[in-house]
Amino acid sequence: TAQGIFVNFKRLLEFNQGKLPFAAAQIGNAYRNEISPRSGLLRVREFTMAEIEHFCDPSDKSHPKFENVKGIDLNLLSASNQMDGKSAIKTTIGEAVHSVSSPSLF
């Protein structure tokens, strides 16, 4: 689904003058074959998908506008909490970024 963004990464990076971080978004149609409940016919369902990919340098986690958003509250649901049937945890963006446990959230 996001294949186009990754295939065009080099062009997107050049468009951003070779600087990270940057984000790319795409909206497009997708199709899925479904079996009709009547007479076993196949029908095609169309739906719209939207995706945003944010690219950053893994060796430089700083961002010039981070101070503007670090206090915003988030509800994050870690993979382990999902598997255990637990609910999301409330935290701030700053706490999530600087927390030791934040990599396990994804």
Protein backbone atom coordinates (compact mmCIF):
# COMPACT_ATOMS: atom_id res chain seq x y z
CA THR A 1 0.00 0.00 0.00
CA ALA A 2 2.77 2.48 0.83
CA GLN A 3 5.10 0.94 -1.73
CA GLY A 4 5.02 4.05 -3.94
CA ILE A 5 6.37 6.25 -1.16
CA PHE A 6 9.32 3.91 -0.54
CA VAL A 7 10.04 3.38 -4.24
CA ASN A 8 10.16 7.16 -4.73
CA PHE A 9 12.19 7.84 -1.56
CA LYS A 10 15.24 9.13 -3.49
CA ARG A 11 13.12 11.58 -5.48
CA LEU A 12 11.28 12.73 -2.34
CA LEU A 13 14.59 13.27 -0.53
CA GLU A 14 15.93 15.30 -3.47
CA PHE A 15 12.71 17.35 -3.49
CA ASN A 16 13.39 18.14 0.19
CA GLN A 17 16.93 19.30 -0.75
CA GLY A 18 18.47 16.17 0.75
CA LYS A 19 17.39 17.05 4.30
CA LEU A 20 15.76 14.84 6.89
CA PRO A 21 13.24 14.74 8.51
CA PHE A 22 10.42 14.90 5.98
CA ALA A 23 7.04 13.31 5.50
CA ALA A 24 5.20 12.03 2.44
CA ALA A 25 1.51 11.29 2.08
CA GLN A 26 -0.54 9.49 -0.53
CA ILE A 27 -4.21 8.83 -1.13
CA GLY A 28 -5.42 6.18 -3.53
CA ASN A 29 -7.98 3.54 -4.32
CA ALA A 30 -7.57 -0.13 -3.49
CA TYR A 31 -9.63 -3.08 -4.66
CA ARG A 32 -10.52 -6.36 -3.01
CA ASN A 33 -12.29 -9.39 -4.45
CA GLU A 34 -15.13 -10.71 -2.29
CA ILE A 35 -17.34 -13.74 -2.66
CA SER A 36 -20.98 -12.76 -2.97
CA PRO A 37 -23.31 -14.56 -0.55
CA ARG A 38 -25.71 -15.28 -3.42
CA SER A 39 -24.80 -17.76 -6.12
CA GLY A 40 -21.06 -17.66 -5.35
CA LEU A 41 -20.31 -14.73 -7.66
CA LEU A 42 -17.20 -12.65 -7.16
CA ARG A 43 -17.60 -8.94 -6.67
CA VAL A 44 -14.96 -6.25 -6.40
CA ARG A 45 -15.04 -3.77 -3.55
CA GLU A 46 -13.31 -0.43 -3.95
CA PHE A 47 -12.13 1.65 -1.01
CA THR A 48 -9.94 4.69 -0.48
CA MET A 49 -6.76 4.48 1.58
CA ALA A 50 -4.60 7.32 2.90
CA GLU A 51 -1.10 6.93 4.33
CA ILE A 52 1.58 9.18 5.76
CA GLU A 53 5.19 8.07 6.14
CA HIS A 54 7.60 10.17 8.19
CA PHE A 55 11.32 9.72 7.51
CA CYS A 56 14.04 10.76 9.95
CA ASP A 57 17.74 10.13 10.47
CA PRO A 58 18.02 7.33 13.06
CA SER A 59 21.31 8.75 14.35
CA ASP A 60 19.79 12.23 14.92
CA LYS A 61 16.48 12.10 16.75
CA SER A 62 16.21 15.89 17.19
CA HIS A 63 13.57 17.94 15.40
CA PRO A 64 13.45 21.75 15.22
CA LYS A 65 9.76 21.88 16.21
CA PHE A 66 9.77 19.21 18.93
CA GLU A 67 9.51 21.78 21.73
CA ASN A 68 6.16 22.91 20.27
CA VAL A 69 4.54 19.46 20.62
CA LYS A 70 6.31 17.65 23.47
CA GLY A 71 3.59 18.51 26.00
CA ILE A 72 0.68 17.18 23.93
CA ASP A 73 -1.15 14.23 25.51
CA LEU A 74 -1.39 10.93 23.64
CA ASN A 75 -3.10 7.62 24.25
CA LEU A 76 -0.64 4.91 23.18
CA LEU A 77 -1.42 1.22 22.96
CA SER A 78 1.71 -0.92 23.07
CA ALA A 79 1.94 -4.25 21.29
CA SER A 80 2.18 -6.08 24.61
CA ASN A 81 -0.89 -4.27 26.01
CA GLN A 82 -2.82 -5.21 22.87
CA MET A 83 -1.88 -8.88 23.25
CA ASP A 84 -2.78 -8.85 26.96
CA GLY A 85 -6.13 -7.11 26.35
CA LYS A 86 -5.07 -4.05 28.35
CA SER A 87 -6.06 -0.49 27.56
CA ALA A 88 -3.99 2.37 26.18
CA ILE A 89 -1.70 4.40 28.43
CA LYS A 90 -1.92 8.18 28.59
CA THR A 91 1.40 9.96 28.16
CA THR A 92 2.86 13.04 26.51
CA ILE A 93 4.82 13.07 23.28
CA GLY A 94 7.93 14.11 25.21
CA GLU A 95 7.59 11.25 27.71
CA ALA A 96 7.02 8.74 24.90
CA VAL A 97 10.08 9.89 22.96
CA HIS A 98 12.40 9.95 25.95
CA SER A 99 11.03 6.89 27.74
CA VAL A 100 13.12 3.75 27.81
CA SER A 101 9.99 1.71 27.08
CA SER A 102 8.88 3.73 24.04
CA PRO A 103 10.41 1.35 21.45
CA SER A 104 8.13 -1.40 22.78
CA LEU A 105 5.12 0.78 21.97
CA PHE A 106 5.62 0.04 18.32
